[in-house]
Amino acid sequence: MEEIHYISAMFIFVASIIPIYLSFKLKNELRVLTILLGVFAIFHGIYHLIYAIGLETLSEEILQPISIGILILFGIIYLKIRKTRNVIKA
């Protein structure tokens, strides 16, 4: 079962390269969103890596809630940006 977590961590770390790269290229609100998406991906990858190592308690009780919190923060900021853009268009 640990192999699945190692493979997941590897793919997640590779996938996090794209939003991290974009965060250097973009400006304004999109930069904030891509940074949050990249940070979420990194924390989620670390979660899988730590779980695979055998530290289930650390990964489940600390890293997973942090990654979920970052994803929720991403959603909140996205909704605020969307609302602000809708106000400007109206």
C-alpha atoms as a PDB file:
ATOM      1  CA  MET A   1       0.000   0.000   0.000  1.00  0.00           C
ATOM      2  CA  GLU A   2       2.916   2.346   0.614  1.00  0.00           C
ATOM      3  CA  GLU A   3       3.826   2.154  -3.066  1.00  0.00           C
ATOM      4  CA  ILE A   4       0.586   3.880  -4.009  1.00  0.00           C
ATOM      5  CA  HIS A   5       1.402   6.772  -1.684  1.00  0.00           C
ATOM      6  CA  TYR A   6       4.939   7.077  -3.092  1.00  0.00           C
ATOM      7  CA  ILE A   7       3.572   7.121  -6.643  1.00  0.00           C
ATOM      8  CA  SER A   8       0.850   9.605  -5.685  1.00  0.00           C
ATOM      9  CA  ALA A   9       3.402  11.888  -4.035  1.00  0.00           C
ATOM     10  CA  MET A  10       5.616  11.769  -7.115  1.00  0.00           C
ATOM     11  CA  PHE A  11       2.769  12.651  -9.490  1.00  0.00           C
ATOM     12  CA  ILE A  12       1.475  15.395  -7.211  1.00  0.00           C
ATOM     13  CA  PHE A  13       4.933  16.966  -6.902  1.00  0.00           C
ATOM     14  CA  VAL A  14       5.324  16.903 -10.678  1.00  0.00           C
ATOM     15  CA  ALA A  15       1.853  18.409 -11.113  1.00  0.00           C
ATOM     16  CA  SER A  16       2.674  21.194  -8.640  1.00  0.00           C
ATOM     17  CA  ILE A  17       5.384  22.462 -10.993  1.00  0.00           C
ATOM     18  CA  ILE A  18       2.800  23.972 -13.339  1.00  0.00           C
ATOM     19  CA  PRO A  19       1.029  26.300 -10.860  1.00  0.00           C
ATOM     20  CA  ILE A  20       4.338  27.237  -9.257  1.00  0.00           C
ATOM     21  CA  TYR A  21       5.760  28.162 -12.674  1.00  0.00           C
ATOM     22  CA  LEU A  22       2.605  30.095 -13.565  1.00  0.00           C
ATOM     23  CA  SER A  23       2.741  32.009 -10.295  1.00  0.00           C
ATOM     24  CA  PHE A  24       5.997  33.595 -11.481  1.00  0.00           C
ATOM     25  CA  LYS A  25       4.471  34.569 -14.839  1.00  0.00           C
ATOM     26  CA  LEU A  26       1.031  35.809 -13.792  1.00  0.00           C
ATOM     27  CA  LYS A  27       0.026  38.967 -11.982  1.00  0.00           C
ATOM     28  CA  ASN A  28      -2.801  40.103  -9.718  1.00  0.00           C
ATOM     29  CA  GLU A  29      -5.465  37.688  -8.528  1.00  0.00           C
ATOM     30  CA  LEU A  30      -4.430  34.810 -10.765  1.00  0.00           C
ATOM     31  CA  ARG A  31      -0.990  34.837  -9.195  1.00  0.00           C
ATOM     32  CA  VAL A  32      -2.494  34.422  -5.733  1.00  0.00           C
ATOM     33  CA  LEU A  33      -4.678  31.540  -6.928  1.00  0.00           C
ATOM     34  CA  THR A  34      -1.813  29.725  -8.621  1.00  0.00           C
ATOM     35  CA  ILE A  35       0.396  30.147  -5.554  1.00  0.00           C
ATOM     36  CA  LEU A  36      -2.333  28.662  -3.358  1.00  0.00           C
ATOM     37  CA  LEU A  37      -2.886  25.804  -5.798  1.00  0.00           C
ATOM     38  CA  GLY A  38       0.850  25.077  -5.877  1.00  0.00           C
ATOM     39  CA  VAL A  39       1.143  25.205  -2.088  1.00  0.00           C
ATOM     40  CA  PHE A  40      -1.852  22.892  -1.781  1.00  0.00           C
ATOM     41  CA  ALA A  41      -0.281  20.418  -4.186  1.00  0.00           C
ATOM     42  CA  ILE A  42       3.031  20.481  -2.317  1.00  0.00           C
ATOM     43  CA  PHE A  43       1.378  19.925   1.072  1.00  0.00           C
ATOM     44  CA  HIS A  44      -0.765  17.153  -0.366  1.00  0.00           C
ATOM     45  CA  GLY A  45       2.311  15.512  -1.855  1.00  0.00           C
ATOM     46  CA  ILE A  46       4.101  15.770   1.486  1.00  0.00           C
ATOM     47  CA  TYR A  47       1.035  14.205   3.103  1.00  0.00           C
ATOM     48  CA  HIS A  48       1.320  11.168   0.801  1.00  0.00           C
ATOM     49  CA  LEU A  49       5.076  10.924   1.308  1.00  0.00           C
ATOM     50  CA  ILE A  50       4.846  11.073   5.115  1.00  0.00           C
ATOM     51  CA  TYR A  51       2.010   8.533   5.075  1.00  0.00           C
ATOM     52  CA  ALA A  52       4.101   6.182   2.946  1.00  0.00           C
ATOM     53  CA  ILE A  53       7.027   6.496   5.350  1.00  0.00           C
ATOM     54  CA  GLY A  54       4.776   5.202   8.114  1.00  0.00           C
ATOM     55  CA  LEU A  55       3.917   8.351  10.042  1.00  0.00           C
ATOM     56  CA  GLU A  56       0.166   8.023   9.564  1.00  0.00           C
ATOM     57  CA  THR A  57      -0.715  10.102  12.621  1.00  0.00           C
ATOM     58  CA  LEU A  58       1.377  13.074  11.487  1.00  0.00           C
ATOM     59  CA  SER A  59       0.009  12.890   7.975  1.00  0.00           C
ATOM     60  CA  GLU A  60      -3.635  12.343   8.911  1.00  0.00           C
ATOM     61  CA  GLU A  61      -3.882  14.760  11.851  1.00  0.00           C
ATOM     62  CA  ILE A  62      -1.626  17.600  10.719  1.00  0.00           C
ATOM     63  CA  LEU A  63      -0.815  17.562   7.013  1.00  0.00           C
ATOM     64  CA  GLN A  64      -4.200  16.518   5.677  1.00  0.00           C
ATOM     65  CA  PRO A  65      -6.097  19.269   7.560  1.00  0.00           C
ATOM     66  CA  ILE A  66      -3.518  21.827   6.423  1.00  0.00           C
ATOM     67  CA  SER A  67      -3.921  20.806   2.781  1.00  0.00           C
ATOM     68  CA  ILE A  68      -7.720  20.840   3.106  1.00  0.00           C
ATOM     69  CA  GLY A  69      -7.540  24.290   4.716  1.00  0.00           C
ATOM     70  CA  ILE A  70      -5.402  25.592   1.859  1.00  0.00           C
ATOM     71  CA  LEU A  71      -7.879  24.194  -0.675  1.00  0.00           C
ATOM     72  CA  ILE A  72     -10.785  25.824   1.156  1.00  0.00           C
ATOM     73  CA  LEU A  73      -8.849  29.118   1.251  1.00  0.00           C
ATOM     74  CA  PHE A  74      -8.293  28.760  -2.506  1.00  0.00           C
ATOM     75  CA  GLY A  75     -12.056  28.406  -2.999  1.00  0.00           C
ATOM     76  CA  ILE A  76     -12.875  31.397  -0.797  1.00  0.00           C
ATOM     77  CA  ILE A  77     -10.383  33.639  -2.578  1.00  0.00           C
ATOM     78  CA  TYR A  78     -11.641  32.414  -5.952  1.00  0.00           C
ATOM     79  CA  LEU A  79     -15.220  33.307  -4.990  1.00  0.00           C
ATOM     80  CA  LYS A  80     -14.118  36.765  -3.781  1.00  0.00           C
ATOM     81  CA  ILE A  81     -12.257  37.405  -7.035  1.00  0.00           C
ATOM     82  CA  ARG A  82     -15.218  36.209  -9.067  1.00  0.00           C
ATOM     83  CA  LYS A  83     -17.611  38.403  -7.096  1.00  0.00           C
ATOM     84  CA  THR A  84     -15.322  41.421  -7.508  1.00  0.00           C
ATOM     85  CA  ARG A  85     -15.099  40.861 -11.281  1.00  0.00           C
ATOM     86  CA  ASN A  86     -18.877  40.518 -11.552  1.00  0.00           C
ATOM     87  CA  VAL A  87     -19.349  43.811  -9.684  1.00  0.00           C
ATOM     88  CA  ILE A  88     -16.930  45.560 -12.035  1.00  0.00           C
ATOM     89  CA  LYS A  89     -18.729  44.192 -15.143  1.00  0.00           C
ATOM     90  CA  ALA A  90     -22.182  45.256 -13.895  1.00  0.00           C
END
